[in-house]
Each structure stands twice: as structure tokens, then as C-alpha cells.
Amino acid sequence: MPRVAVDAMGGDLGPRVVVEGAVAACREFNLQVVLVGPQGVVAEELRRAQAGDAPIQVVDAAEAVGMGEKVTRATLKKRSSITVAVGQVRDGAADAFFSAGNTAACWTIAKLVLGTLEEVDRPALAAALPHPSGRTVLIDVGANANCNARNLEEFAVMGKVYTRQVFHTPNPRVGLMSMGEEETKGNQLTKEVHEALKGSSLNFIGNVEGGDIFTGRVDVIVMDGFTGNVVLKASETLADTLMRLIKEEIQRKNVRKVGAFLSKGAFNAVRHRIDPSEYGGAPLLGVKGCCVIGHGRSNALAIKHGIRTAADFFTSGVNERIEAELRALGHRKEKAAETKS
């Protein structure tokens, strides 16, 4: 049974929502939770949530990292709920970590405390967005604003492994985000990465554009963290805006209300498919441990699914496969260099 260390103080909505989500995760999924935060606060929220005999352990952490707190300050808090929770993974007391707290602090502390996998230069955040027949994984979505070609090549391998192991896609199609499908389109970085991926063992389909995210044409889209973060937040906001616009238009006429009532099942199904809360969080790929970071505005449903995502990350064996495939990539590059010389 996977054990997930959860930052009880992470997120805009406070520990009550985190604890509610953790209790729900324990009841619905086959996992255990280690809630990390001020013991008195967490215990009170567990009582309020009527946790009962749910498999939840509490680990005391006196400090919290603010959502807007600078990373340099956050890393100095050795007893913060983030640092202590990540330490649970390092020490083997937990198998995975989840937080809806300060994203930059989470991934920086995870990298410092756990270290990176062999062959990984920079860890990256991945996110899954829905398309008609499944999900498209975007990588990176915010960990690295500036990248070089080697970084993006690593992201491609990590995204492919995660998609194959977690979503059971046999041979994921990998695309490179650019401003056109032609090889000649894009900046110098995308052209360099395109050349490297084209000669790799990946199922590389070439450059893709923003419109391909939601079509199902590609399984993994590689990009720098600046671009990925903009794409992710715009997509989430668009989904929310569309649902609100539909609600507004339905309320304008009685006949529409009747039609909406008859179509309630379909509307609920669509909401379920596009709701970011159903996806829970973004896995941090490339560190020596399983870490998932949720949105700061995560509600109890998002917390529940974020914890599930962290448990799935652990049971999938992603990290072992990432190390093996990046090692193989390095060997192929060495052989290619020897052949040229």
C-alpha cells in the first residue's frame, strides 16, 4: 500500500481542505497518508473531518512556507511542512510526496533534499490535459523558464516514460512545441532540439502547434517551462470560462433551462473530463523520489486526486525507467560521436 507524505499547510484554502482531501483519498484508494504540519492544527482538522480509523499518520512540522514566499527564504525553514514531508520520502518513511503549496519552493526543496536521478540535469513538471480519446502530457510546465537543447531532449524522454508507465500508452507519440509544423519553423533552440529528437529512438512526430494539444494527434508535447506554464494556465482558465458562459446562457431563457435539465448527465460528464481537479497535480520528473505538486487553488477533490496521482507515480516504476532510458540515450550519443571521429 503506497504511503504518501502530504504537506498539510500547502494551498490557498488552508489545512482544512487538505485534510478533507487526504481523508477522502484514504477511503477511496488503496493508500496511506502521512499528514505533515503543526500537530495540533492537523489533529483538530482530522477530528472535524471525522477521519476515524483512516490510515493516516501525523508528523509534526512547526513551520509553513507561504504561497508567495521567496524560495531563498523557504529553503532556510528546516522544519517547514514541505521540507519535513519531502524528508519523509528521502528517509523511506513515505513513498511519495504531494503538496498544493508554493510550486517553486516545492520543486527546489525536492531537488535539494532528494537530489536528481542519474543522467538528469534539470527536473521538469509534467501536466496532463484532456483530448477526445485520452490525455496529452505537456512537459515542462513551469520548473525551467530557460532551457537548452539537452534539457528538452531529457524532458522528451521523461515525458515518454511517464506517459507509457502511468497512462499505459504503448509507444507515445512525442512532439516539439513550435510556431509551425515545418522543420524550418521556430527559434534556434527548437531547430536544434528537432534535429536531436529526429535522430533519437523516440516516436518523434515532429513539430506541433498549440492546436494539437487537444486533438489527440500527439501524446507528449515538449517545451520550455515558460511556454508550458502559459499554455497550462490559459487552458485551465479557458475550460472554466467556457463552463461559466454556458451556465449564463442557459439561465437567459426557460426553454434552455429545460434543455439543460434533460442534458444534465452530458454536462456533468464533460465537466468531469475537463475539470483540472480530476487530474490532481503535476508530477516532478527527474528527482530521486516521487513528487506531485498541485495547484494553489486546489479544493478537496483536487487534493484527493493529487494524492492518488502521487501513489500512481510510485507504483508505476517511472523513475527506474527514466534512469535506464537516459543512460541508454547517453550510450547512443557516445557511440555516434566515436563513429564520427
Protein backbone atom coordinates (compact mmCIF):
# COMPACT_ATOMS: atom_id res chain seq x y z
CA MET A 1 0.00 0.00 0.00
CA PRO A 2 1.68 3.29 -1.11
CA ARG A 3 2.41 5.85 1.61
CA VAL A 4 2.05 9.47 0.52
CA ALA A 5 3.51 12.32 2.60
CA VAL A 6 1.20 15.32 2.27
CA ASP A 7 2.04 18.94 3.04
CA ALA A 8 -0.94 19.77 5.27
CA MET A 9 -0.22 23.52 5.12
CA GLY A 10 0.04 23.84 1.33
CA GLY A 11 -2.51 25.67 -0.80
CA ASP A 12 -4.61 28.82 -0.75
CA LEU A 13 -7.54 27.18 1.08
CA GLY A 14 -5.70 26.05 4.19
CA PRO A 15 -5.26 22.77 6.11
CA ARG A 16 -8.99 22.01 6.38
CA VAL A 17 -9.29 21.36 2.64
CA VAL A 18 -6.03 19.38 2.55
CA VAL A 19 -7.15 17.14 5.41
CA GLU A 20 -10.59 16.61 3.84
CA GLY A 21 -8.91 15.56 0.59
CA ALA A 22 -6.49 13.28 2.42
CA VAL A 23 -9.27 11.53 4.32
CA ALA A 24 -11.23 11.06 1.07
CA ALA A 25 -8.14 9.63 -0.67
CA CYS A 26 -7.60 7.07 2.11
CA ARG A 27 -11.23 5.98 1.93
CA GLU A 28 -11.44 5.71 -1.86
CA PHE A 29 -7.98 4.48 -2.84
CA ASN A 30 -5.71 1.78 -1.50
CA LEU A 31 -3.12 4.05 0.10
CA GLN A 32 -1.89 5.54 3.37
CA VAL A 33 -1.29 9.23 4.11
CA VAL A 34 1.32 10.92 6.28
CA LEU A 35 0.00 14.42 7.06
CA VAL A 36 2.81 16.85 7.81
CA GLY A 37 2.12 20.09 9.67
CA PRO A 38 1.59 21.57 13.16
CA GLN A 39 0.35 18.57 15.13
CA GLY A 40 -2.41 20.42 16.99
CA VAL A 41 -3.80 22.03 13.83
CA VAL A 42 -3.78 18.78 11.87
CA ALA A 43 -5.32 16.80 14.72
CA GLU A 44 -8.19 19.28 15.01
CA GLU A 45 -8.90 19.13 11.27
CA LEU A 46 -8.84 15.32 11.37
CA ARG A 47 -11.41 15.41 14.16
CA ARG A 48 -13.56 17.83 12.16
CA ALA A 49 -13.29 15.60 9.06
CA GLN A 50 -14.30 12.55 11.14
CA ALA A 51 -11.26 10.63 9.93
CA GLY A 52 -12.00 7.73 12.27
CA ASP A 53 -9.74 4.76 11.57
CA ALA A 54 -8.49 6.04 8.19
CA PRO A 55 -4.83 5.01 7.66
CA ILE A 56 -3.41 8.46 8.42
CA GLN A 57 -0.28 9.29 10.40
CA VAL A 58 0.56 12.81 11.60
CA VAL A 59 4.14 14.14 11.59
CA ASP A 60 4.75 17.44 13.33
CA ALA A 61 6.25 20.38 11.40
CA ALA A 62 6.08 23.72 13.16
CA GLU A 63 6.72 26.00 10.15
CA ALA A 64 4.89 26.67 6.89
CA VAL A 65 6.02 28.16 3.58
CA GLY A 66 3.84 30.99 2.31
CA MET A 67 2.41 30.81 -1.21
CA GLY A 68 4.25 33.97 -2.22
CA GLU A 69 7.36 33.39 -0.13
CA LYS A 70 10.74 33.66 -1.83
CA VAL A 71 12.48 30.36 -2.46
CA THR A 72 15.68 31.51 -0.77
CA ARG A 73 13.73 32.12 2.44
CA ALA A 74 11.67 28.91 2.13
CA THR A 75 14.77 26.70 1.88
CA LEU A 76 16.03 28.07 5.20
CA LYS A 77 12.97 26.73 7.04
CA LYS A 78 14.28 23.29 8.02
CA ARG A 79 11.08 22.41 9.91
CA SER A 80 8.62 23.60 7.27
CA SER A 81 5.84 21.21 6.29
CA ILE A 82 7.30 20.96 2.77
CA THR A 83 10.85 20.14 3.90
CA VAL A 84 9.73 17.63 6.52
CA ALA A 85 7.31 15.93 4.09
CA VAL A 86 9.99 15.59 1.40
CA GLY A 87 12.34 14.30 4.10
CA GLN A 88 9.84 11.50 4.79
CA VAL A 89 10.40 10.29 1.21
CA ARG A 90 14.18 10.61 1.49
CA ASP A 91 14.22 8.62 4.74
CA GLY A 92 11.93 5.87 3.44
CA ALA A 93 9.06 6.74 5.79
CA ALA A 94 6.89 7.60 2.75
CA ASP A 95 6.90 6.53 -0.89
CA ALA A 96 5.72 9.78 -2.48
CA PHE A 97 5.13 13.46 -1.71
CA PHE A 98 2.21 15.77 -2.53
CA SER A 99 1.73 19.49 -1.93
CA ALA A 100 -0.56 22.21 -3.25
CA GLY A 101 1.83 24.78 -1.81
CA ASN A 102 4.40 27.17 -3.25
CA THR A 103 5.43 25.50 -6.53
CA ALA A 104 8.93 26.98 -6.76
CA ALA A 105 9.63 26.10 -3.12
CA CYS A 106 8.33 22.54 -3.58
CA TRP A 107 10.45 21.66 -6.57
CA THR A 108 13.55 23.45 -5.23
CA ILE A 109 13.33 21.71 -1.84
CA ALA A 110 12.63 18.37 -3.54
CA LYS A 111 15.74 18.77 -5.69
CA LEU A 112 17.88 19.81 -2.70
CA VAL A 113 16.64 17.12 -0.32
CA LEU A 114 16.24 14.19 -2.74
CA GLY A 115 18.74 15.03 -5.48
CA THR A 116 18.27 14.31 -9.17
CA LEU A 117 18.20 10.99 -10.97
CA GLU A 118 21.34 9.80 -12.70
CA GLU A 119 21.74 11.48 -16.12
CA VAL A 120 19.16 14.20 -15.33
CA ASP A 121 20.37 17.78 -15.49
CA ARG A 122 17.07 19.51 -14.63
CA PRO A 123 13.85 18.05 -13.22
CA ALA A 124 10.67 19.09 -15.05
CA LEU A 125 6.98 19.40 -14.25
CA ALA A 126 4.53 17.44 -16.40
CA ALA A 127 0.79 18.03 -16.74
CA ALA A 128 -1.95 16.03 -18.44
CA LEU A 129 -4.65 17.81 -20.45
CA PRO A 130 -7.71 16.05 -21.90
CA HIS A 131 -8.42 15.35 -25.55
CA PRO A 132 -11.35 13.38 -27.07
CA SER A 133 -9.78 9.95 -26.60
CA GLY A 134 -7.39 10.41 -23.69
CA ARG A 135 -4.77 12.82 -22.38
CA THR A 136 -1.87 14.84 -23.73
CA VAL A 137 1.14 15.23 -21.44
CA LEU A 138 2.90 18.60 -21.51
CA ILE A 139 6.47 18.89 -20.22
CA ASP A 140 7.84 21.28 -18.85
CA VAL A 141 5.00 23.38 -17.38
CA GLY A 142 6.87 25.66 -15.03
CA ALA A 143 10.06 24.32 -13.45
CA ASN A 144 12.53 25.73 -16.01
CA ALA A 145 11.89 29.06 -17.72
CA ASN A 146 15.17 28.88 -19.65
CA CYS A 147 16.32 25.63 -21.23
CA ASN A 148 18.98 24.32 -23.56
CA ALA A 149 18.64 21.57 -26.15
CA ARG A 150 19.91 18.87 -23.80
CA ASN A 151 17.23 19.79 -21.24
CA LEU A 152 14.41 19.49 -23.77
CA GLU A 153 15.78 16.17 -25.02
CA GLU A 154 15.69 14.88 -21.41
CA PHE A 155 12.14 16.21 -21.00
CA ALA A 156 11.09 14.26 -24.09
CA VAL A 157 12.43 11.01 -22.65
CA MET A 158 10.91 11.65 -19.20
CA GLY A 159 7.54 12.59 -20.69
CA LYS A 160 7.52 9.49 -22.87
CA VAL A 161 8.32 7.20 -19.93
CA TYR A 162 5.70 8.80 -17.68
CA THR A 163 3.01 8.55 -20.36
CA ARG A 164 3.83 4.92 -21.10
CA GLN A 165 4.08 3.79 -17.48
CA VAL A 166 1.20 5.76 -15.93
CA PHE A 167 -1.29 6.11 -18.81
CA HIS A 168 -0.30 2.79 -20.42
CA THR A 169 0.29 4.26 -23.87
CA PRO A 170 2.50 1.62 -25.58
CA ASN A 171 4.63 3.87 -27.81
CA PRO A 172 3.85 7.52 -27.03
CA ARG A 173 3.98 9.97 -29.91
CA VAL A 174 6.30 12.84 -28.98
CA GLY A 175 6.01 16.31 -30.48
CA LEU A 176 8.00 19.52 -30.07
CA MET A 177 6.05 22.74 -29.48
CA SER A 178 6.86 25.28 -32.17
CA MET A 179 5.24 28.01 -34.26
CA GLY A 180 4.71 25.74 -37.25
CA GLU A 181 4.95 22.08 -38.25
CA GLU A 182 7.79 22.59 -40.73
CA GLU A 183 11.32 21.77 -39.56
CA THR A 184 12.45 25.25 -40.55
CA LYS A 185 9.94 26.95 -38.22
CA GLY A 186 10.71 28.08 -34.68
CA ASN A 187 13.72 29.62 -32.96
CA GLN A 188 17.29 28.32 -32.88
CA LEU A 189 16.56 26.19 -29.79
CA THR A 190 13.57 24.37 -31.31
CA LYS A 191 15.51 23.74 -34.54
CA GLU A 192 18.40 22.23 -32.57
CA VAL A 193 16.07 20.08 -30.45
CA HIS A 194 14.12 18.98 -33.54
CA GLU A 195 17.32 17.67 -35.09
CA ALA A 196 18.25 15.76 -31.92
CA LEU A 197 14.80 14.21 -31.44
CA LYS A 198 14.54 13.28 -35.12
CA GLY A 199 17.66 11.16 -34.75
CA SER A 200 16.60 9.58 -31.45
CA SER A 201 14.80 6.31 -30.73
CA LEU A 202 11.67 8.18 -29.65
CA ASN A 203 8.45 8.00 -31.64
CA PHE A 204 9.01 11.62 -32.68
CA ILE A 205 6.34 13.06 -35.00
CA GLY A 206 7.99 16.46 -35.46
CA ASN A 207 6.91 19.97 -34.59
CA VAL A 208 3.41 20.54 -33.25
CA GLU A 209 1.40 23.70 -32.57
CA GLY A 210 -0.87 24.85 -29.77
CA GLY A 211 -3.94 23.48 -31.53
CA ASP A 212 -2.56 19.93 -31.38
CA ILE A 213 -2.80 19.81 -27.57
CA PHE A 214 -6.48 18.90 -27.62
CA THR A 215 -6.78 16.84 -30.83
CA GLY A 216 -5.23 13.54 -29.74
CA ARG A 217 -2.66 13.71 -32.55
CA VAL A 218 0.24 13.64 -30.08
CA ASP A 219 0.75 12.05 -26.64
CA VAL A 220 3.66 14.10 -25.27
CA ILE A 221 4.50 17.72 -26.11
CA VAL A 222 7.92 19.05 -25.16
CA MET A 223 8.53 22.74 -24.40
CA ASP A 224 10.39 25.06 -22.07
CA GLY A 225 8.80 25.80 -18.70
CA PHE A 226 7.88 29.39 -19.54
CA THR A 227 5.85 28.36 -22.58
CA GLY A 228 4.38 25.36 -20.79
CA ASN A 229 3.20 27.36 -17.80
CA VAL A 230 1.45 29.89 -20.05
CA VAL A 231 -0.21 27.09 -22.05
CA LEU A 232 -1.34 25.23 -18.92
CA LYS A 233 -2.84 28.24 -17.15
CA ALA A 234 -4.53 29.52 -20.30
CA SER A 235 -6.06 26.08 -20.91
CA GLU A 236 -7.35 25.77 -17.34
CA THR A 237 -8.84 29.27 -17.43
CA LEU A 238 -10.46 28.66 -20.82
CA ALA A 239 -12.17 25.49 -19.57
CA ASP A 240 -13.52 27.32 -16.53
CA THR A 241 -14.65 30.30 -18.60
CA LEU A 242 -16.49 28.13 -21.12
CA MET A 243 -18.45 26.35 -18.39
CA ARG A 244 -19.42 29.69 -16.81
CA LEU A 245 -20.51 31.12 -20.18
CA ILE A 246 -22.67 28.07 -20.86
CA LYS A 247 -24.32 28.46 -17.45
CA GLU A 248 -25.01 32.14 -18.10
CA GLU A 249 -26.61 31.46 -21.48
CA ILE A 250 -28.75 28.64 -20.08
CA GLN A 251 -30.20 30.97 -17.46
CA ARG A 252 -31.37 33.51 -20.06
CA LYS A 253 -34.41 31.52 -21.30
CA ASN A 254 -36.72 28.95 -19.69
CA VAL A 255 -36.60 26.66 -22.70
CA ARG A 256 -32.82 26.47 -22.33
CA LYS A 257 -33.24 25.55 -18.66
CA VAL A 258 -35.47 22.66 -19.65
CA GLY A 259 -32.94 21.52 -22.25
CA ALA A 260 -30.13 21.81 -19.70
CA PHE A 261 -32.08 19.69 -17.22
CA LEU A 262 -32.54 16.98 -19.84
CA SER A 263 -28.83 17.20 -20.72
CA LYS A 264 -27.59 17.31 -17.14
CA GLY A 265 -25.84 13.96 -17.43
CA ALA A 266 -23.91 15.06 -20.52
CA PHE A 267 -22.90 18.37 -18.92
CA ASN A 268 -21.66 16.57 -15.81
CA ALA A 269 -19.66 14.14 -17.93
CA VAL A 270 -17.99 16.98 -19.84
CA ARG A 271 -17.23 18.84 -16.61
CA HIS A 272 -15.68 15.69 -15.21
CA ARG A 273 -13.44 15.30 -18.28
CA ILE A 274 -12.14 18.87 -18.36
CA ASP A 275 -12.05 19.69 -14.63
CA PRO A 276 -8.39 20.20 -13.55
CA SER A 277 -9.36 18.94 -10.09
CA GLU A 278 -9.79 15.44 -11.58
CA TYR A 279 -6.10 15.39 -12.56
CA GLY A 280 -4.83 16.45 -9.15
CA GLY A 281 -1.38 17.81 -9.86
CA ALA A 282 1.82 17.87 -11.88
CA PRO A 283 4.47 15.19 -11.28
CA LEU A 284 8.01 16.48 -10.85
CA LEU A 285 10.04 14.19 -13.09
CA GLY A 286 13.78 13.75 -12.67
CA VAL A 287 14.25 13.77 -8.87
CA LYS A 288 15.12 10.75 -6.72
CA GLY A 289 11.62 10.30 -5.40
CA CYS A 290 8.01 10.64 -6.43
CA CYS A 291 6.76 14.22 -6.06
CA VAL A 292 3.49 15.74 -7.26
CA ILE A 293 2.67 19.46 -7.00
CA GLY A 294 -0.94 20.61 -7.09
CA HIS A 295 -2.49 23.96 -8.00
CA GLY A 296 -2.54 26.52 -5.19
CA ARG A 297 -6.32 26.82 -5.53
CA SER A 298 -6.82 23.06 -5.12
CA ASN A 299 -10.09 22.08 -3.44
CA ALA A 300 -10.64 18.82 -1.53
CA LEU A 301 -11.36 16.94 -4.78
CA ALA A 302 -8.09 18.13 -6.33
CA ILE A 303 -6.17 17.22 -3.17
CA LYS A 304 -7.71 13.73 -3.23
CA HIS A 305 -6.72 13.15 -6.85
CA GLY A 306 -3.30 14.72 -6.31
CA ILE A 307 -2.60 12.16 -3.60
CA ARG A 308 -3.84 9.40 -5.92
CA THR A 309 -1.54 10.70 -8.68
CA ALA A 310 1.43 10.60 -6.28
CA ALA A 311 0.61 6.99 -5.34
CA ASP A 312 0.27 6.01 -9.03
CA PHE A 313 3.61 7.69 -9.75
CA PHE A 314 5.28 5.49 -7.14
CA THR A 315 3.68 2.20 -8.18
CA SER A 316 4.39 2.76 -11.89
CA GLY A 317 8.17 2.48 -11.61
CA VAL A 318 8.68 5.67 -13.65
CA ASN A 319 11.96 6.76 -12.06
CA GLU A 320 13.76 3.47 -12.71
CA ARG A 321 12.72 3.56 -16.37
CA ILE A 322 13.76 7.21 -16.77
CA GLU A 323 17.25 6.41 -15.48
CA ALA A 324 17.56 3.38 -17.77
CA GLU A 325 16.40 5.23 -20.90
CA LEU A 326 18.52 8.33 -20.30
CA ARG A 327 21.51 6.07 -19.70
CA ALA A 328 20.82 4.32 -23.00
CA LEU A 329 20.49 7.70 -24.72
CA GLY A 330 23.91 8.70 -23.39
CA HIS A 331 25.46 5.47 -24.67
CA ARG A 332 23.97 6.01 -28.14
CA LYS A 333 25.38 9.54 -28.24
CA GLU A 334 28.83 8.26 -27.23
CA LYS A 335 28.76 5.63 -29.98
CA ALA A 336 27.63 8.20 -32.54
CA ALA A 337 30.49 10.51 -31.52
CA GLU A 338 33.02 7.66 -31.80
CA THR A 339 31.71 6.76 -35.26
CA LYS A 340 32.07 10.36 -36.46
CA SER A 341 35.61 10.60 -35.12
